[in-house]
Amino acid sequence: MRIVFLDTDTVGELKELKLLEQFGKLSLYPYTSSSDTIERIRDVEIVITNKVVLDKKVLEASPALKLICVAATGTNNIDLKTAEEQGIKVKNVKGYSTDSVAQHTFALIFHLLNHLSFYDSYVKDGKYSTSKIFTNLTKQIVQLKGKRIGIIGLGTIGLRVAQLAEAFGAEIIYYSTSGQNNNRTYRKLPLHELLAEADIVTIHAPLNENTRCLIGYSELQQMKKHAVLINTGRGGIVHEGELVRALNENLIQAAALDVFEQEPLPAQSPLITIEEPAKLLLTPHIAWSALDARQELLRQIVQHIKEFTNL
């Protein structure tokens, strides 16, 4: 059996990669460009890919291919119709990053609410050492307790965020982007009401026809002046240019994004040139990537191959 992992840099150096050797001849590529994809999988039975696109042209040029393991939950980079027509099984990985994304969501929230960059610099720049008092109250810190958190997308991750927020004493409201979620534990609201009521809005929805550019300038106008917006869901749900405009006009207090309309983020993005950088926290699509989560990702891929090969 020949196995290829096309983009191992997307999961990092994990000892679990060695577990793939038990199934046959293994080839690991840190990165694969579109021009190299066909050549690398032409005679391969099992392909593992995170972001490398396997479209109709690629699949039709891969007659030996029997199994595609997507090192992610989303399968939008695979031509599923062609795969089915050619009898190629496609397996994705679910639930591996729930706690990782939830944790990162709160890391972003607390960074903004507690102004950690400001106070870290205050100490390291030597200003604290010259202070006449033991503390500094320049930036106002607010507690999560008693605040209202509006969750857009109360799926597995959104639900985990809700549970953790409750532990801090926050109130939960949510908006279902599909309209199908009717969780009885929390209060469901239309989007405009959620935006008007929430102190923190956090997005945990997929990108689809219901969510693309869901949050633009008009929606940001509906939020409280002191509100914070978090997006660890998908880029494209928040209109980036209009978010920058809203922050520059002080429509909301701050925002944090881990996902972007285009990834990697273009150097000319308006997010980079915001007037007050402290209002906007940016991380490079890492919410999913806790070591434990990536290890679980590989373990699930190994299990998929075991089931496929009957080993």
Protein backbone atom coordinates (compact mmCIF):
# COMPACT_ATOMS: atom_id res chain seq x y z
CA MET A 1 0.00 0.00 0.00
CA ARG A 2 1.33 3.44 -0.94
CA ILE A 3 0.38 6.41 1.25
CA VAL A 4 1.10 10.10 0.73
CA PHE A 5 0.56 13.00 3.13
CA LEU A 6 0.61 16.10 0.92
CA ASP A 7 0.98 18.91 3.47
CA THR A 8 2.45 17.78 6.78
CA ASP A 9 3.46 21.34 7.70
CA THR A 10 -0.23 21.97 8.43
CA VAL A 11 -0.13 19.53 11.36
CA GLY A 12 3.47 20.01 12.50
CA GLU A 13 6.10 17.53 13.61
CA LEU A 14 4.12 14.87 15.44
CA LYS A 15 5.34 11.46 16.55
CA GLU A 16 1.93 10.11 15.50
CA LEU A 17 3.00 10.51 11.85
CA LYS A 18 5.12 7.39 12.31
CA LEU A 19 1.96 5.40 12.98
CA LEU A 20 1.16 5.74 9.27
CA GLU A 21 4.18 3.59 8.38
CA GLN A 22 2.37 0.43 9.49
CA PHE A 23 0.12 0.58 6.43
CA GLY A 24 2.79 0.55 3.72
CA LYS A 25 5.21 2.82 1.89
CA LEU A 26 4.80 6.32 3.29
CA SER A 27 5.77 9.59 1.62
CA LEU A 28 5.56 12.82 3.59
CA TYR A 29 5.62 16.22 1.91
CA PRO A 30 5.71 19.43 3.98
CA TYR A 31 3.84 21.31 1.23
CA THR A 32 2.45 20.44 -2.18
CA SER A 33 1.72 22.99 -4.89
CA SER A 34 -1.08 22.47 -7.39
CA SER A 35 1.48 21.79 -10.11
CA ASP A 36 2.97 18.89 -8.13
CA THR A 37 -0.23 17.24 -6.88
CA ILE A 38 -0.94 14.88 -9.78
CA GLU A 39 2.62 13.61 -9.94
CA ARG A 40 2.75 12.91 -6.21
CA ILE A 41 -0.48 10.90 -6.02
CA ARG A 42 -0.66 9.32 -9.49
CA ASP A 43 0.15 5.76 -8.30
CA VAL A 44 -0.94 6.10 -4.68
CA GLU A 45 -3.78 4.21 -2.97
CA ILE A 46 -4.21 6.48 0.09
CA VAL A 47 -3.84 10.25 0.17
CA ILE A 48 -3.91 12.46 3.25
CA THR A 49 -4.50 16.16 2.68
CA ASN A 50 -5.39 19.12 4.83
CA LYS A 51 -5.68 22.00 2.37
CA VAL A 52 -4.28 20.64 -0.91
CA VAL A 53 -7.09 20.63 -3.48
CA LEU A 54 -8.06 17.31 -5.07
CA ASP A 55 -10.34 18.39 -7.90
CA LYS A 56 -11.82 16.50 -10.86
CA LYS A 57 -8.65 16.79 -12.94
CA VAL A 58 -6.46 15.46 -10.13
CA LEU A 59 -8.78 12.59 -9.23
CA GLU A 60 -9.23 11.44 -12.82
CA ALA A 61 -5.44 11.32 -13.16
CA SER A 62 -5.15 9.05 -10.08
CA PRO A 63 -6.49 5.61 -11.08
CA ALA A 64 -4.93 3.82 -8.08
CA LEU A 65 -6.51 6.10 -5.50
CA LYS A 66 -8.90 4.34 -3.11
CA LEU A 67 -9.04 6.49 0.04
CA ILE A 68 -8.72 10.20 0.79
CA CYS A 69 -8.24 11.18 4.42
CA VAL A 70 -8.87 14.87 5.01
CA ALA A 71 -6.82 16.14 7.95
CA ALA A 72 -9.65 18.50 8.89
CA THR A 73 -13.41 18.56 9.31
CA GLY A 74 -14.24 20.46 6.13
CA THR A 75 -14.09 18.63 2.78
CA ASN A 76 -14.53 21.62 0.48
CA ASN A 77 -11.09 20.98 -1.09
CA ILE A 78 -12.23 17.60 -2.42
CA ASP A 79 -14.41 17.05 -5.50
CA LEU A 80 -16.78 14.71 -3.69
CA LYS A 81 -18.89 14.00 -6.78
CA THR A 82 -15.93 12.79 -8.81
CA ALA A 83 -14.60 10.82 -5.85
CA GLU A 84 -17.92 9.00 -5.54
CA GLU A 85 -18.06 8.30 -9.27
CA GLN A 86 -14.59 6.75 -9.12
CA GLY A 87 -15.32 4.72 -6.00
CA ILE A 88 -12.89 6.71 -3.84
CA LYS A 89 -13.83 6.86 -0.18
CA VAL A 90 -13.44 10.23 1.56
CA LYS A 91 -12.98 10.40 5.33
CA ASN A 92 -12.75 13.59 7.37
CA VAL A 93 -12.06 14.11 11.08
CA LYS A 94 -14.65 15.48 13.48
CA GLY A 95 -14.61 16.76 17.03
CA TYR A 96 -10.84 16.74 17.45
CA SER A 97 -10.46 20.49 18.00
CA THR A 98 -13.56 21.41 20.01
CA ASP A 99 -11.73 22.15 23.25
CA SER A 100 -8.79 23.76 21.46
CA VAL A 101 -11.04 26.27 19.65
CA ALA A 102 -13.05 26.96 22.79
CA GLN A 103 -9.87 27.60 24.77
CA HIS A 104 -8.49 29.95 22.12
CA THR A 105 -11.79 31.80 22.01
CA PHE A 106 -11.45 32.62 25.70
CA ALA A 107 -7.76 33.45 25.28
CA LEU A 108 -8.83 36.13 22.78
CA ILE A 109 -11.66 37.35 25.01
CA PHE A 110 -9.47 37.66 28.09
CA HIS A 111 -6.65 39.29 26.17
CA LEU A 112 -9.04 42.04 25.10
CA LEU A 113 -10.98 42.41 28.36
CA ASN A 114 -7.82 42.47 30.50
CA HIS A 115 -5.70 44.58 28.09
CA LEU A 116 -2.81 42.17 28.48
CA SER A 117 -0.58 43.69 25.80
CA PHE A 118 -0.84 47.14 27.37
CA TYR A 119 -0.05 45.97 30.89
CA ASP A 120 2.73 43.64 29.78
CA SER A 121 4.40 46.54 27.97
CA TYR A 122 3.81 48.82 30.97
CA VAL A 123 5.90 46.52 33.15
CA LYS A 124 8.58 45.58 30.62
CA ASP A 125 9.11 49.18 29.45
CA GLY A 126 10.08 50.13 32.98
CA LYS A 127 7.11 52.37 33.66
CA TYR A 128 5.87 50.20 36.51
CA SER A 129 9.27 50.38 38.17
CA THR A 130 8.97 54.15 38.44
CA SER A 131 5.37 54.13 39.67
CA LYS A 132 4.47 55.54 43.09
CA ILE A 133 1.71 52.98 43.59
CA PHE A 134 1.56 49.18 43.36
CA THR A 135 -0.93 48.96 40.48
CA ASN A 136 -2.11 50.68 37.30
CA LEU A 137 -5.68 51.52 36.34
CA THR A 138 -5.12 53.18 32.99
CA LYS A 139 -7.06 50.55 31.06
CA GLN A 140 -10.41 49.45 32.48
CA ILE A 141 -10.68 45.71 33.10
CA VAL A 142 -14.16 44.20 33.21
CA GLN A 143 -15.25 40.83 34.56
CA LEU A 144 -16.87 38.19 32.41
CA LYS A 145 -19.26 37.46 35.26
CA GLY A 146 -22.62 39.09 34.63
CA LYS A 147 -21.89 39.80 30.97
CA ARG A 148 -24.07 38.55 28.14
CA ILE A 149 -22.31 36.42 25.53
CA GLY A 150 -23.97 36.08 22.14
CA ILE A 151 -22.95 32.93 20.28
CA ILE A 152 -23.46 32.81 16.53
CA GLY A 153 -23.65 29.11 15.71
CA LEU A 154 -24.44 26.86 18.67
CA GLY A 155 -22.95 23.67 17.27
CA THR A 156 -20.43 21.47 19.06
CA ILE A 157 -17.86 24.24 19.53
CA GLY A 158 -20.41 26.97 20.23
CA LEU A 159 -22.00 24.77 22.87
CA ARG A 160 -18.62 24.15 24.53
CA VAL A 161 -18.00 27.91 24.60
CA ALA A 162 -21.41 28.40 26.20
CA GLN A 163 -20.65 25.86 28.91
CA LEU A 164 -17.31 27.47 29.74
CA ALA A 165 -18.82 30.95 29.73
CA GLU A 166 -21.42 29.81 32.25
CA ALA A 167 -18.61 28.70 34.56
CA PHE A 168 -17.44 32.34 34.59
CA GLY A 169 -20.95 33.53 35.44
CA ALA A 170 -21.90 34.85 32.01
CA GLU A 171 -25.38 34.75 30.49
CA ILE A 172 -25.72 32.96 27.15
CA ILE A 173 -27.84 33.92 24.15
CA TYR A 174 -27.48 32.46 20.68
CA TYR A 175 -28.40 32.80 17.02
CA SER A 176 -28.83 29.75 14.79
CA THR A 177 -27.45 30.46 11.32
CA SER A 178 -29.35 27.50 9.88
CA GLY A 179 -32.51 28.20 11.87
CA GLN A 180 -32.62 24.52 12.85
CA ASN A 181 -30.95 24.67 16.26
CA ASN A 182 -33.50 24.93 19.05
CA ASN A 183 -31.41 24.42 22.18
CA ARG A 184 -33.65 24.63 25.23
CA THR A 185 -30.88 25.52 27.66
CA TYR A 186 -30.13 28.95 26.22
CA ARG A 187 -32.18 31.82 24.84
CA LYS A 188 -32.44 31.87 21.05
CA LEU A 189 -32.70 35.28 19.37
CA PRO A 190 -32.83 36.75 15.88
CA LEU A 191 -29.46 38.12 14.83
CA HIS A 192 -30.36 41.79 15.23
CA GLU A 193 -31.57 41.21 18.80
CA LEU A 194 -28.48 39.20 19.73
CA LEU A 195 -26.18 41.93 18.41
CA ALA A 196 -28.08 44.60 20.35
CA GLU A 197 -28.04 42.65 23.64
CA ALA A 198 -24.61 40.99 23.73
CA ASP A 199 -21.54 42.36 25.45
CA ILE A 200 -19.43 39.80 23.61
CA VAL A 201 -20.33 38.27 20.24
CA THR A 202 -18.43 35.12 19.30
CA ILE A 203 -18.77 33.30 15.98
CA HIS A 204 -18.70 29.50 15.68
CA ALA A 205 -20.53 28.92 12.40
CA PRO A 206 -19.54 27.38 9.06
CA LEU A 207 -19.11 29.53 5.97
CA ASN A 208 -22.05 29.01 3.63
CA GLU A 209 -24.79 30.93 1.83
CA ASN A 210 -26.38 31.80 5.18
CA THR A 211 -23.24 33.18 6.80
CA ARG A 212 -21.09 34.79 4.11
CA CYS A 213 -20.62 38.47 5.10
CA LEU A 214 -23.13 37.91 7.90
CA ILE A 215 -21.44 40.61 9.99
CA GLY A 216 -20.91 43.85 8.10
CA TYR A 217 -21.08 47.54 8.89
CA SER A 218 -24.85 47.64 9.44
CA GLU A 219 -24.67 44.71 11.87
CA LEU A 220 -21.75 46.27 13.74
CA GLN A 221 -23.80 49.44 14.10
CA GLN A 222 -26.37 47.40 16.04
CA MET A 223 -23.85 46.30 18.67
CA LYS A 224 -23.11 48.02 21.96
CA LYS A 225 -20.30 50.58 22.02
CA HIS A 226 -18.41 48.54 24.60
CA ALA A 227 -19.00 45.21 22.82
CA VAL A 228 -16.27 42.85 21.66
CA LEU A 229 -16.46 40.69 18.52
CA ILE A 230 -14.63 37.34 18.26
CA ASN A 231 -14.36 35.16 15.15
CA THR A 232 -12.78 31.71 15.41
CA GLY A 233 -15.33 30.26 12.99
CA ARG A 234 -14.57 30.95 9.33
CA GLY A 235 -13.13 33.86 7.43
CA GLY A 236 -15.70 35.50 5.19
CA ILE A 237 -18.38 35.58 7.86
CA VAL A 238 -17.10 38.98 8.99
CA HIS A 239 -16.59 41.64 6.31
CA GLU A 240 -13.04 42.69 7.16
CA GLY A 241 -13.03 46.13 5.56
CA GLU A 242 -16.28 47.07 7.26
CA LEU A 243 -15.01 45.77 10.61
CA VAL A 244 -11.98 48.05 10.34
CA ARG A 245 -14.26 50.97 9.49
CA ALA A 246 -16.44 50.22 12.53
CA LEU A 247 -13.42 50.00 14.84
CA ASN A 248 -11.97 53.23 13.45
CA GLU A 249 -15.33 54.92 14.12
CA ASN A 250 -15.54 53.44 17.65
CA LEU A 251 -18.78 51.60 16.90
CA ILE A 252 -17.53 48.71 19.04
CA GLN A 253 -14.72 48.48 21.58
CA ALA A 254 -12.55 45.75 20.08
CA ALA A 255 -12.40 42.61 17.96
CA ALA A 256 -10.29 39.47 17.60
CA LEU A 257 -10.00 37.34 14.48
CA ASP A 258 -8.34 33.95 14.05
CA VAL A 259 -9.73 33.35 10.55
CA PHE A 260 -9.69 35.53 7.44
CA GLU A 261 -11.29 36.00 4.04
CA GLN A 262 -7.96 35.04 2.46
CA GLU A 263 -5.36 32.91 4.21
CA PRO A 264 -2.53 33.70 4.67
CA LEU A 265 -3.65 37.29 5.28
CA PRO A 266 -2.51 39.61 2.44
CA ALA A 267 0.08 42.19 3.44
CA GLN A 268 -2.18 44.95 2.11
CA SER A 269 -5.21 43.86 4.19
CA PRO A 270 -7.05 46.73 5.90
CA LEU A 271 -6.77 44.71 9.11
CA ILE A 272 -3.05 45.44 9.12
CA THR A 273 -3.48 49.20 8.69
CA ILE A 274 -6.14 49.83 11.34
CA GLU A 275 -5.72 53.23 13.03
CA GLU A 276 -5.50 51.82 16.58
CA PRO A 277 -3.93 48.34 16.43
CA ALA A 278 -4.74 47.65 20.09
CA LYS A 279 -8.42 47.45 19.17
CA LEU A 280 -7.86 44.45 16.93
CA LEU A 281 -6.21 41.17 17.94
CA LEU A 282 -5.16 38.87 15.09
CA THR A 283 -3.92 35.27 15.23
CA PRO A 284 -3.01 33.09 12.20
CA HIS A 285 -5.78 30.44 12.16
CA ILE A 286 -4.41 28.61 15.20
CA ALA A 287 -7.49 28.13 17.37
CA TRP A 288 -7.80 24.50 16.24
CA SER A 289 -4.12 23.67 16.65
CA ALA A 290 -3.43 22.74 20.29
CA LEU A 291 -0.90 19.90 20.42
CA ASP A 292 -3.49 17.59 21.94
CA ALA A 293 -5.93 18.38 19.13
CA ARG A 294 -3.38 17.69 16.39
CA GLN A 295 -2.43 14.41 18.03
CA GLU A 296 -6.10 13.40 18.12
CA LEU A 297 -6.41 14.42 14.47
CA LEU A 298 -3.65 11.99 13.49
CA ARG A 299 -5.06 9.23 15.67
CA GLN A 300 -8.43 9.51 13.94
CA ILE A 301 -6.79 9.40 10.51
CA VAL A 302 -4.90 6.25 11.55
CA GLN A 303 -8.20 4.73 12.68
CA HIS A 304 -9.85 5.55 9.33
CA ILE A 305 -7.02 3.78 7.49
CA LYS A 306 -7.20 0.80 9.82
CA GLU A 307 -10.89 0.41 9.12
CA PHE A 308 -10.32 0.79 5.39
CA THR A 309 -7.50 -1.77 5.26
CA ASN A 310 -9.05 -4.12 7.84
CA LEU A 311 -5.81 -4.09 9.84
